[in-house]
């Protein structure tokens, strides 16, 4: 496991229980919330997935929008955590596409760039709303945010 991931994992408190009974998208007997993590920066995606998996979530990675759509069809995520600015398909475009197929999915964008706000504003003007989480994200803040969704 890369040193950055080991360091990030060492900074997280023990996993908290995840309990969301009777949600229709959950498979019978499965107690973990399914999260799809999408970012074209592989180290970020893999690190976030490792952190989530170590803390009671079932996380899967995708490294671009098209791959995320295919992975979402397999995983059927309850939450999608996506970078806002990616080549070929932005996180906003991905969110719009995924919501057509998975209207109940909770979609959270993250970005470290100021240009994201203009993209979010355009999407909102067309009736598409997204939560935005700043990069870099502290693992404990991320866990708390995902558990509050």
Protein backbone atom coordinates (compact mmCIF):
# COMPACT_ATOMS: atom_id res chain seq x y z
CA UNK A 1 0.00 0.00 0.00
CA UNK A 2 1.47 3.42 -0.93
CA UNK A 3 2.86 5.48 1.93
CA UNK A 4 0.34 8.33 1.28
CA UNK A 5 -2.58 5.93 1.73
CA UNK A 6 -1.10 4.40 4.88
CA UNK A 7 -0.62 7.89 6.34
CA UNK A 8 -4.17 8.93 5.43
CA UNK A 9 -5.62 5.77 6.94
CA UNK A 10 -3.64 6.23 10.14
CA UNK A 11 -5.31 9.62 10.70
CA UNK A 12 -8.84 8.25 10.76
CA UNK A 13 -10.73 7.18 13.83
CA UNK A 14 -12.16 3.63 13.96
CA UNK A 15 -15.08 2.92 11.63
CA UNK A 16 -18.49 4.05 12.74
CA UNK A 17 -21.49 1.79 12.17
CA UNK A 18 -23.48 2.46 9.02
CA UNK A 19 -27.16 1.77 9.53
CA UNK A 20 -29.75 2.74 6.93
CA UNK A 21 -32.53 0.13 7.15
CA UNK A 22 -35.11 -0.42 4.43
CA UNK A 23 -33.39 1.52 1.66
CA UNK A 24 -34.58 0.09 -1.66
CA UNK A 25 -31.21 0.34 -3.44
CA UNK A 26 -29.41 -1.81 -0.83
CA UNK A 27 -29.02 -5.54 -1.42
CA UNK A 28 -30.51 -7.78 1.29
CA UNK A 29 -28.05 -8.36 4.12
CA UNK A 30 -25.57 -5.75 2.92
CA UNK A 31 -24.79 -3.26 5.69
CA UNK A 32 -22.32 -1.02 3.87
CA UNK A 33 -23.14 2.12 1.91
CA UNK A 34 -21.92 1.80 -1.68
CA UNK A 35 -19.85 4.77 -2.89
CA UNK A 36 -18.44 5.32 -6.37
CA UNK A 37 -15.34 7.57 -6.33
CA UNK A 38 -14.47 9.28 -9.61
CA UNK A 39 -11.34 11.32 -10.31
CA UNK A 40 -8.89 11.38 -13.20
CA UNK A 41 -6.06 11.60 -10.66
CA UNK A 42 -5.57 7.93 -9.79
CA UNK A 43 -3.74 8.54 -6.51
CA UNK A 44 -6.64 10.62 -5.21
CA UNK A 45 -9.25 8.08 -6.34
CA UNK A 46 -7.36 5.10 -4.93
CA UNK A 47 -6.62 6.87 -1.64
CA UNK A 48 -10.23 7.93 -1.12
CA UNK A 49 -11.45 4.40 -1.94
CA UNK A 50 -8.99 2.89 0.54
CA UNK A 51 -10.10 5.31 3.25
CA UNK A 52 -13.77 4.60 2.61
CA UNK A 53 -13.32 0.83 2.50
CA UNK A 54 -11.40 0.92 5.79
CA UNK A 55 -14.22 2.90 7.39
CA UNK A 56 -17.29 0.83 6.71
CA UNK A 57 -18.19 1.84 3.16
CA UNK A 58 -18.06 -0.25 -0.01
CA UNK A 59 -16.10 1.98 -2.38
CA UNK A 60 -15.23 1.44 -6.03
CA UNK A 61 -13.04 3.57 -8.27
CA UNK A 62 -13.51 5.05 -11.72
CA UNK A 63 -10.99 7.31 -13.42
CA UNK A 64 -13.20 9.11 -15.96
CA UNK A 65 -16.86 9.76 -16.65
CA UNK A 66 -17.50 6.93 -19.12
CA UNK A 67 -15.86 4.41 -16.80
CA UNK A 68 -17.94 5.78 -13.91
CA UNK A 69 -21.19 5.15 -15.79
CA UNK A 70 -20.20 1.53 -16.44
CA UNK A 71 -19.06 1.02 -12.84
CA UNK A 72 -22.29 2.58 -11.53
CA UNK A 73 -24.29 0.00 -13.47
CA UNK A 74 -22.38 -2.77 -11.69
CA UNK A 75 -22.12 -1.23 -8.20
CA UNK A 76 -25.49 0.58 -8.10
CA UNK A 77 -24.01 3.18 -5.72
CA UNK A 78 -25.97 5.09 -3.14
CA UNK A 79 -23.42 7.92 -3.24
CA UNK A 80 -21.18 9.16 -6.05
CA UNK A 81 -18.21 11.29 -5.04
CA UNK A 82 -16.72 12.88 -8.15
CA UNK A 83 -14.10 15.41 -9.08
CA UNK A 84 -15.81 18.38 -10.73
CA UNK A 85 -13.17 19.06 -13.39
CA UNK A 86 -12.10 16.08 -15.47
CA UNK A 87 -11.17 15.77 -19.15
CA UNK A 88 -13.86 14.71 -21.66
CA UNK A 89 -16.72 14.58 -19.13
CA UNK A 90 -16.94 16.91 -16.12
CA UNK A 91 -18.33 15.81 -12.80
CA UNK A 92 -21.42 17.94 -13.47
CA UNK A 93 -22.01 16.20 -16.83
CA UNK A 94 -21.46 12.84 -15.13
CA UNK A 95 -23.95 13.74 -12.41
CA UNK A 96 -26.60 14.72 -14.95
CA UNK A 97 -26.09 11.45 -16.86
CA UNK A 98 -26.08 9.23 -13.77
CA UNK A 99 -29.19 10.84 -12.32
CA UNK A 100 -31.11 9.90 -15.48
CA UNK A 101 -30.40 6.23 -14.80
CA UNK A 102 -30.13 6.36 -10.99
CA UNK A 103 -32.44 9.17 -9.80
CA UNK A 104 -32.00 8.29 -6.10
CA UNK A 105 -28.19 8.49 -6.09
CA UNK A 106 -26.68 11.16 -3.85
CA UNK A 107 -24.05 13.03 -5.83
CA UNK A 108 -21.23 15.01 -4.20
CA UNK A 109 -18.66 16.95 -6.20
CA UNK A 110 -15.23 17.90 -4.98
CA UNK A 111 -12.84 20.39 -6.47
CA UNK A 112 -9.85 22.51 -5.65
CA UNK A 113 -10.36 24.99 -8.48
CA UNK A 114 -12.23 28.28 -8.49
CA UNK A 115 -13.52 27.69 -12.05
CA UNK A 116 -15.85 25.06 -10.63
CA UNK A 117 -18.30 27.65 -9.28
CA UNK A 118 -19.12 28.92 -12.80
CA UNK A 119 -19.80 25.36 -13.98
CA UNK A 120 -22.02 24.70 -10.93
CA UNK A 121 -23.90 27.98 -11.50
CA UNK A 122 -24.64 27.01 -15.14
CA UNK A 123 -25.89 23.58 -14.05
CA UNK A 124 -28.12 25.12 -11.37
CA UNK A 125 -29.58 27.53 -13.95
CA UNK A 126 -30.67 24.41 -15.89
CA UNK A 127 -32.20 22.80 -12.78
CA UNK A 128 -29.30 20.49 -11.77
CA UNK A 129 -28.11 20.92 -8.19
CA UNK A 130 -24.90 19.54 -6.66
CA UNK A 131 -23.23 19.60 -3.27
CA UNK A 132 -19.63 20.76 -3.52
CA UNK A 133 -16.83 19.63 -1.22
CA UNK A 134 -13.47 21.45 -1.35
CA UNK A 135 -10.18 19.73 -2.20
CA UNK A 136 -8.04 18.80 -0.41
CA UNK A 137 -10.45 17.00 1.86
CA UNK A 138 -9.61 15.81 5.33
CA UNK A 139 -10.59 12.14 5.75
CA UNK A 140 -12.61 12.72 8.93
CA UNK A 141 -14.55 15.57 7.28
CA UNK A 142 -15.25 13.33 4.31
CA UNK A 143 -16.53 10.51 6.54
CA UNK A 144 -18.81 12.89 8.43
CA UNK A 145 -20.15 14.40 5.21
CA UNK A 146 -20.89 11.03 3.62
CA UNK A 147 -22.57 9.73 6.77
CA UNK A 148 -24.81 12.82 6.86
CA UNK A 149 -26.18 12.21 3.35
